[in-house]
Amino acid sequence: MLKMLLTIIFVILAIALTVIVLMQEGKSAGLGSIAGMADTYWGKNKGRSMEGALEKFTKIAAALFLVLAFVLNLL
């Protein structure tokens, strides 16, 4: 019962992680961001924007995904 519930959560999390990654804007600047655009990337309001929130959720979802994959492997 627990393994089935964790598997369902794992699948939902995988789909959500895929959607969140696809919603993010591409970093098309590449290495050019080192010179002039680095100030905008590390700006003070980056975390308050929609892009900042998506990045935070991506990090959290990826960590949960890895932990859940490890737990399911042990079961």
PDB file of N, CA and C in Angstrom:
ATOM      1  N   MET A   1       0.822  -1.195   0.000  1.00  0.00           N
ATOM      2  CA  MET A   1       0.000   0.000   0.000  1.00  0.00           C
ATOM      3  C   MET A   1       0.872   1.267   0.000  1.00  0.00           C
ATOM      4  N   LEU A   2       1.894   1.281   0.854  1.00  0.00           N
ATOM      5  CA  LEU A   2       2.783   2.436   0.932  1.00  0.00           C
ATOM      6  C   LEU A   2       3.576   2.609  -0.360  1.00  0.00           C
ATOM      7  N   LYS A   3       4.030   1.496  -0.927  1.00  0.00           N
ATOM      8  CA  LYS A   3       4.810   1.576  -2.162  1.00  0.00           C
ATOM      9  C   LYS A   3       3.955   2.123  -3.307  1.00  0.00           C
ATOM     10  N   MET A   4       2.684   1.726  -3.367  1.00  0.00           N
ATOM     11  CA  MET A   4       1.801   2.219  -4.422  1.00  0.00           C
ATOM     12  C   MET A   4       1.545   3.717  -4.255  1.00  0.00           C
ATOM     13  N   LEU A   5       1.358   4.164  -3.033  1.00  0.00           N
ATOM     14  CA  LEU A   5       1.131   5.585  -2.771  1.00  0.00           C
ATOM     15  C   LEU A   5       2.371   6.405  -3.133  1.00  0.00           C
ATOM     16  N   LEU A   6       3.547   5.905  -2.754  1.00  0.00           N
ATOM     17  CA  LEU A   6       4.786   6.597  -3.095  1.00  0.00           C
ATOM     18  C   LEU A   6       5.030   6.608  -4.606  1.00  0.00           C
ATOM     19  N   THR A   7       4.637   5.544  -5.295  1.00  0.00           N
ATOM     20  CA  THR A   7       4.785   5.500  -6.742  1.00  0.00           C
ATOM     21  C   THR A   7       3.882   6.513  -7.424  1.00  0.00           C
ATOM     22  N   ILE A   8       2.675   6.667  -6.934  1.00  0.00           N
ATOM     23  CA  ILE A   8       1.745   7.659  -7.494  1.00  0.00           C
ATOM     24  C   ILE A   8       2.288   9.065  -7.274  1.00  0.00           C
ATOM     25  N   ILE A   9       2.794   9.337  -6.073  1.00  0.00           N
ATOM     26  CA  ILE A   9       3.383  10.648  -5.790  1.00  0.00           C
ATOM     27  C   ILE A   9       4.601  10.878  -6.673  1.00  0.00           C
ATOM     28  N   PHE A  10       5.382   9.827  -6.898  1.00  0.00           N
ATOM     29  CA  PHE A  10       6.575   9.910  -7.740  1.00  0.00           C
ATOM     30  C   PHE A  10       6.210  10.283  -9.182  1.00  0.00           C
ATOM     31  N   VAL A  11       5.180   9.676  -9.712  1.00  0.00           N
ATOM     32  CA  VAL A  11       4.752   9.958 -11.087  1.00  0.00           C
ATOM     33  C   VAL A  11       4.215  11.388 -11.192  1.00  0.00           C
ATOM     34  N   ILE A  12       3.408  11.804 -10.223  1.00  0.00           N
ATOM     35  CA  ILE A  12       2.878  13.173 -10.229  1.00  0.00           C
ATOM     36  C   ILE A  12       4.016  14.184 -10.127  1.00  0.00           C
ATOM     37  N   LEU A  13       4.983  13.894  -9.289  1.00  0.00           N
ATOM     38  CA  LEU A  13       6.136  14.783  -9.140  1.00  0.00           C
ATOM     39  C   LEU A  13       6.973  14.833 -10.422  1.00  0.00           C
ATOM     40  N   ALA A  14       7.115  13.716 -11.101  1.00  0.00           N
ATOM     41  CA  ALA A  14       7.868  13.688 -12.356  1.00  0.00           C
ATOM     42  C   ALA A  14       7.179  14.534 -13.421  1.00  0.00           C
ATOM     43  N   ILE A  15       5.866  14.432 -13.511  1.00  0.00           N
ATOM     44  CA  ILE A  15       5.111  15.231 -14.480  1.00  0.00           C
ATOM     45  C   ILE A  15       5.198  16.711 -14.128  1.00  0.00           C
ATOM     46  N   ALA A  16       5.049  17.035 -12.847  1.00  0.00           N
ATOM     47  CA  ALA A  16       5.120  18.431 -12.416  1.00  0.00           C
ATOM     48  C   ALA A  16       6.506  19.013 -12.677  1.00  0.00           C
ATOM     49  N   LEU A  17       7.536  18.236 -12.428  1.00  0.00           N
ATOM     50  CA  LEU A  17       8.900  18.701 -12.663  1.00  0.00           C
ATOM     51  C   LEU A  17       9.139  18.962 -14.149  1.00  0.00           C
ATOM     52  N   THR A  18       8.611  18.097 -14.991  1.00  0.00           N
ATOM     53  CA  THR A  18       8.738  18.291 -16.437  1.00  0.00           C
ATOM     54  C   THR A  18       8.045  19.568 -16.887  1.00  0.00           C
ATOM     55  N   VAL A  19       6.842  19.806 -16.385  1.00  0.00           N
ATOM     56  CA  VAL A  19       6.084  20.999 -16.765  1.00  0.00           C
ATOM     57  C   VAL A  19       6.784  22.262 -16.278  1.00  0.00           C
ATOM     58  N   ILE A  20       7.285  22.247 -15.060  1.00  0.00           N
ATOM     59  CA  ILE A  20       7.953  23.422 -14.501  1.00  0.00           C
ATOM     60  C   ILE A  20       9.229  23.748 -15.278  1.00  0.00           C
ATOM     61  N   VAL A  21       9.984  22.732 -15.652  1.00  0.00           N
ATOM     62  CA  VAL A  21      11.204  22.976 -16.421  1.00  0.00           C
ATOM     63  C   VAL A  21      10.862  23.547 -17.794  1.00  0.00           C
ATOM     64  N   LEU A  22       9.813  23.055 -18.408  1.00  0.00           N
ATOM     65  CA  LEU A  22       9.419  23.561 -19.719  1.00  0.00           C
ATOM     66  C   LEU A  22       8.856  24.979 -19.657  1.00  0.00           C
ATOM     67  N   MET A  23       8.325  25.385 -18.513  1.00  0.00           N
ATOM     68  CA  MET A  23       7.785  26.732 -18.362  1.00  0.00           C
ATOM     69  C   MET A  23       8.876  27.789 -18.219  1.00  0.00           C
ATOM     70  N   GLN A  24      10.074  27.378 -17.836  1.00  0.00           N
ATOM     71  CA  GLN A  24      11.146  28.337 -17.602  1.00  0.00           C
ATOM     72  C   GLN A  24      11.682  28.875 -18.923  1.00  0.00           C
ATOM     73  N   GLU A  25      12.135  30.125 -18.862  1.00  0.00           N
ATOM     74  CA  GLU A  25      12.741  30.735 -20.040  1.00  0.00           C
ATOM     75  C   GLU A  25      14.153  30.207 -20.219  1.00  0.00           C
ATOM     76  N   GLY A  26      14.570  30.114 -21.467  1.00  0.00           N
ATOM     77  CA  GLY A  26      15.916  29.643 -21.761  1.00  0.00           C
ATOM     78  C   GLY A  26      16.948  30.701 -21.425  1.00  0.00           C
ATOM     79  N   LYS A  27      18.112  30.261 -21.052  1.00  0.00           N
ATOM     80  CA  LYS A  27      19.221  31.176 -20.786  1.00  0.00           C
ATOM     81  C   LYS A  27      20.025  31.314 -22.072  1.00  0.00           C
ATOM     82  N   SER A  28      19.517  32.055 -23.029  1.00  0.00           N
ATOM     83  CA  SER A  28      20.124  32.138 -24.350  1.00  0.00           C
ATOM     84  C   SER A  28      21.388  32.991 -24.375  1.00  0.00           C
ATOM     85  N   ALA A  29      21.667  33.713 -23.314  1.00  0.00           N
ATOM     86  CA  ALA A  29      22.841  34.572 -23.303  1.00  0.00           C
ATOM     87  C   ALA A  29      24.134  33.762 -23.263  1.00  0.00           C
ATOM     88  N   GLY A  30      24.119  32.599 -22.663  1.00  0.00           N
ATOM     89  CA  GLY A  30      25.294  31.749 -22.602  1.00  0.00           C
ATOM     90  C   GLY A  30      26.431  32.395 -21.844  1.00  0.00           C
ATOM     91  N   LEU A  31      27.622  32.349 -22.406  1.00  0.00           N
ATOM     92  CA  LEU A  31      28.789  32.919 -21.748  1.00  0.00           C
ATOM     93  C   LEU A  31      28.784  34.438 -21.783  1.00  0.00           C
ATOM     94  N   GLY A  32      27.947  35.023 -22.602  1.00  0.00           N
ATOM     95  CA  GLY A  32      27.862  36.478 -22.650  1.00  0.00           C
ATOM     96  C   GLY A  32      27.311  37.072 -21.372  1.00  0.00           C
ATOM     97  N   SER A  33      26.652  36.275 -20.590  1.00  0.00           N
ATOM     98  CA  SER A  33      26.087  36.781 -19.341  1.00  0.00           C
ATOM     99  C   SER A  33      27.168  37.061 -18.302  1.00  0.00           C
ATOM    100  N   ILE A  34      28.350  36.530 -18.504  1.00  0.00           N
ATOM    101  CA  ILE A  34      29.433  36.766 -17.548  1.00  0.00           C
ATOM    102  C   ILE A  34      29.833  38.242 -17.557  1.00  0.00           C
ATOM    103  N   ALA A  35      29.831  38.849 -18.728  1.00  0.00           N
ATOM    104  CA  ALA A  35      30.302  40.223 -18.836  1.00  0.00           C
ATOM    105  C   ALA A  35      29.271  41.229 -18.341  1.00  0.00           C
ATOM    106  N   GLY A  36      28.214  41.430 -19.090  1.00  0.00           N
ATOM    107  CA  GLY A  36      27.331  42.531 -18.761  1.00  0.00           C
ATOM    108  C   GLY A  36      26.016  42.142 -18.128  1.00  0.00           C
ATOM    109  N   MET A  37      25.523  40.965 -18.429  1.00  0.00           N
ATOM    110  CA  MET A  37      24.194  40.609 -17.945  1.00  0.00           C
ATOM    111  C   MET A  37      24.224  39.928 -16.596  1.00  0.00           C
ATOM    112  N   ALA A  38      25.387  39.743 -16.022  1.00  0.00           N
ATOM    113  CA  ALA A  38      25.480  39.066 -14.727  1.00  0.00           C
ATOM    114  C   ALA A  38      24.781  39.864 -13.642  1.00  0.00           C
ATOM    115  N   ASP A  39      24.765  41.195 -13.785  1.00  0.00           N
ATOM    116  CA  ASP A  39      24.097  42.017 -12.785  1.00  0.00           C
ATOM    117  C   ASP A  39      22.596  41.777 -12.788  1.00  0.00           C
ATOM    118  N   THR A  40      22.002  41.567 -13.954  1.00  0.00           N
ATOM    119  CA  THR A  40      20.562  41.335 -14.005  1.00  0.00           C
ATOM    120  C   THR A  40      20.221  39.941 -13.492  1.00  0.00           C
ATOM    121  N   TYR A  41      21.099  38.978 -13.720  1.00  0.00           N
ATOM    122  CA  TYR A  41      20.814  37.621 -13.259  1.00  0.00           C
ATOM    123  C   TYR A  41      20.848  37.540 -11.735  1.00  0.00           C
ATOM    124  N   TRP A  42      21.806  38.187 -11.141  1.00  0.00           N
ATOM    125  CA  TRP A  42      21.945  38.130  -9.688  1.00  0.00           C
ATOM    126  C   TRP A  42      21.296  39.340  -9.006  1.00  0.00           C
ATOM    127  N   GLY A  43      20.320  39.923  -9.671  1.00  0.00           N
ATOM    128  CA  GLY A  43      19.669  41.110  -9.126  1.00  0.00           C
ATOM    129  C   GLY A  43      18.927  40.817  -7.839  1.00  0.00           C
ATOM    130  N   LYS A  44      18.594  41.895  -7.134  1.00  0.00           N
ATOM    131  CA  LYS A  44      17.930  41.752  -5.830  1.00  0.00           C
ATOM    132  C   LYS A  44      16.533  41.158  -5.946  1.00  0.00           C
ATOM    133  N   ASN A  45      15.807  41.484  -6.997  1.00  0.00           N
ATOM    134  CA  ASN A  45      14.415  41.045  -7.123  1.00  0.00           C
ATOM    135  C   ASN A  45      14.266  39.749  -7.903  1.00  0.00           C
ATOM    136  N   LYS A  46      15.335  39.047  -8.159  1.00  0.00           N
ATOM    137  CA  LYS A  46      15.269  37.804  -8.931  1.00  0.00           C
ATOM    138  C   LYS A  46      14.390  36.767  -8.247  1.00  0.00           C
ATOM    139  N   GLY A  47      14.504  36.640  -6.940  1.00  0.00           N
ATOM    140  CA  GLY A  47      13.735  35.638  -6.214  1.00  0.00           C
ATOM    141  C   GLY A  47      12.260  35.945  -6.123  1.00  0.00           C
ATOM    142  N   ARG A  48      11.888  37.188  -6.314  1.00  0.00           N
ATOM    143  CA  ARG A  48      10.485  37.575  -6.199  1.00  0.00           C
ATOM    144  C   ARG A  48       9.737  37.472  -7.525  1.00  0.00           C
ATOM    145  N   SER A  49      10.456  37.275  -8.611  1.00  0.00           N
ATOM    146  CA  SER A  49       9.821  37.200  -9.921  1.00  0.00           C
ATOM    147  C   SER A  49       9.275  35.795 -10.152  1.00  0.00           C
ATOM    148  N   MET A  50       8.510  35.656 -11.225  1.00  0.00           N
ATOM    149  CA  MET A  50       7.960  34.354 -11.584  1.00  0.00           C
ATOM    150  C   MET A  50       9.082  33.381 -11.938  1.00  0.00           C
ATOM    151  N   GLU A  51      10.100  33.877 -12.631  1.00  0.00           N
ATOM    152  CA  GLU A  51      11.229  33.027 -13.001  1.00  0.00           C
ATOM    153  C   GLU A  51      11.982  32.550 -11.757  1.00  0.00           C
ATOM    154  N   GLY A  52      12.136  33.420 -10.781  1.00  0.00           N
ATOM    155  CA  GLY A  52      12.792  33.030  -9.536  1.00  0.00           C
ATOM    156  C   GLY A  52      12.011  31.977  -8.781  1.00  0.00           C
ATOM    157  N   ALA A  53      10.699  32.124  -8.770  1.00  0.00           N
ATOM    158  CA  ALA A  53       9.848  31.139  -8.099  1.00  0.00           C
ATOM    159  C   ALA A  53       9.910  29.793  -8.814  1.00  0.00           C
ATOM    160  N   LEU A  54       9.942  29.813 -10.139  1.00  0.00           N
ATOM    161  CA  LEU A  54      10.047  28.560 -10.887  1.00  0.00           C
ATOM    162  C   LEU A  54      11.379  27.866 -10.615  1.00  0.00           C
ATOM    163  N   GLU A  55      12.445  28.641 -10.513  1.00  0.00           N
ATOM    164  CA  GLU A  55      13.746  28.039 -10.222  1.00  0.00           C
ATOM    165  C   GLU A  55      13.776  27.423  -8.830  1.00  0.00           C
ATOM    166  N   LYS A  56      13.191  28.106  -7.859  1.00  0.00           N
ATOM    167  CA  LYS A  56      13.151  27.565  -6.499  1.00  0.00           C
ATOM    168  C   LYS A  56      12.337  26.273  -6.454  1.00  0.00           C
ATOM    169  N   PHE A  57      11.171  26.282  -7.125  1.00  0.00           N
ATOM    170  CA  PHE A  57      10.336  25.087  -7.131  1.00  0.00           C
ATOM    171  C   PHE A  57      11.027  23.943  -7.862  1.00  0.00           C
ATOM    172  N   THR A  58      11.778  24.262  -8.906  1.00  0.00           N
ATOM    173  CA  THR A  58      12.504  23.221  -9.636  1.00  0.00           C
ATOM    174  C   THR A  58      13.540  22.553  -8.735  1.00  0.00           C
ATOM    175  N   LYS A  59      14.251  23.351  -7.958  1.00  0.00           N
ATOM    176  CA  LYS A  59      15.257  22.783  -7.052  1.00  0.00           C
ATOM    177  C   LYS A  59      14.613  21.903  -5.990  1.00  0.00           C
ATOM    178  N   ILE A  60      13.510  22.375  -5.428  1.00  0.00           N
ATOM    179  CA  ILE A  60      12.820  21.602  -4.394  1.00  0.00           C
ATOM    180  C   ILE A  60      12.240  20.317  -4.971  1.00  0.00           C
ATOM    181  N   ALA A  61      11.601  20.417  -6.138  1.00  0.00           N
ATOM    182  CA  ALA A  61      10.994  19.246  -6.767  1.00  0.00           C
ATOM    183  C   ALA A  61      12.050  18.234  -7.178  1.00  0.00           C
ATOM    184  N   ALA A  62      13.190  18.705  -7.660  1.00  0.00           N
ATOM    185  CA  ALA A  62      14.263  17.782  -8.048  1.00  0.00           C
ATOM    186  C   ALA A  62      14.820  17.043  -6.831  1.00  0.00           C
ATOM    187  N   ALA A  63      14.969  17.754  -5.722  1.00  0.00           N
ATOM    188  CA  ALA A  63      15.459  17.106  -4.502  1.00  0.00           C
ATOM    189  C   ALA A  63      14.458  16.062  -4.009  1.00  0.00           C
ATOM    190  N   LEU A  64      13.178  16.411  -4.008  1.00  0.00           N
ATOM    191  CA  LEU A  64      12.149  15.450  -3.601  1.00  0.00           C
ATOM    192  C   LEU A  64      12.103  14.252  -4.538  1.00  0.00           C
ATOM    193  N   PHE A  65      12.279  14.514  -5.827  1.00  0.00           N
ATOM    194  CA  PHE A  65      12.284  13.448  -6.826  1.00  0.00           C
ATOM    195  C   PHE A  65      13.413  12.454  -6.546  1.00  0.00           C
ATOM    196  N   LEU A  66      14.609  12.970  -6.262  1.00  0.00           N
ATOM    197  CA  LEU A  66      15.746  12.095  -5.989  1.00  0.00           C
ATOM    198  C   LEU A  66      15.555  11.298  -4.698  1.00  0.00           C
ATOM    199  N   VAL A  67      15.061  11.960  -3.673  1.00  0.00           N
ATOM    200  CA  VAL A  67      14.829  11.266  -2.394  1.00  0.00           C
ATOM    201  C   VAL A  67      13.771  10.182  -2.556  1.00  0.00           C
ATOM    202  N   LEU A  68      12.702  10.515  -3.260  1.00  0.00           N
ATOM    203  CA  LEU A  68      11.627   9.545  -3.460  1.00  0.00           C
ATOM    204  C   LEU A  68      12.089   8.381  -4.321  1.00  0.00           C
ATOM    205  N   ALA A  69      12.925   8.645  -5.320  1.00  0.00           N
ATOM    206  CA  ALA A  69      13.472   7.563  -6.139  1.00  0.00           C
ATOM    207  C   ALA A  69      14.342   6.637  -5.293  1.00  0.00           C
ATOM    208  N   PHE A  70      15.112   7.227  -4.398  1.00  0.00           N
ATOM    209  CA  PHE A  70      15.958   6.412  -3.512  1.00  0.00           C
ATOM    210  C   PHE A  70      15.115   5.548  -2.572  1.00  0.00           C
ATOM    211  N   VAL A  71      14.063   6.146  -2.004  1.00  0.00           N
ATOM    212  CA  VAL A  71      13.182   5.411  -1.085  1.00  0.00           C
ATOM    213  C   VAL A  71      12.465   4.286  -1.816  1.00  0.00           C
ATOM    214  N   LEU A  72      11.979   4.580  -3.020  1.00  0.00           N
ATOM    215  CA  LEU A  72      11.301   3.528  -3.781  1.00  0.00           C
ATOM    216  C   LEU A  72      12.250   2.411  -4.171  1.00  0.00           C
ATOM    217  N   ASN A  73      13.489   2.740  -4.397  1.00  0.00           N
ATOM    218  CA  ASN A  73      14.474   1.705  -4.722  1.00  0.00           C
ATOM    219  C   ASN A  73      14.730   0.801  -3.506  1.00  0.00           C
ATOM    220  N   LEU A  74      14.698   1.382  -2.318  1.00  0.00           N
ATOM    221  CA  LEU A  74      14.916   0.568  -1.103  1.00  0.00           C
ATOM    222  C   LEU A  74      13.720  -0.345  -0.825  1.00  0.00           C
ATOM    223  N   LEU A  75      12.528   0.104  -1.195  1.00  0.00           N
ATOM    224  CA  LEU A  75      11.355  -0.723  -0.962  1.00  0.00           C
ATOM    225  C   LEU A  75      11.264  -1.778  -2.034  1.00  0.00           C
TER     226      LEU A  75
END
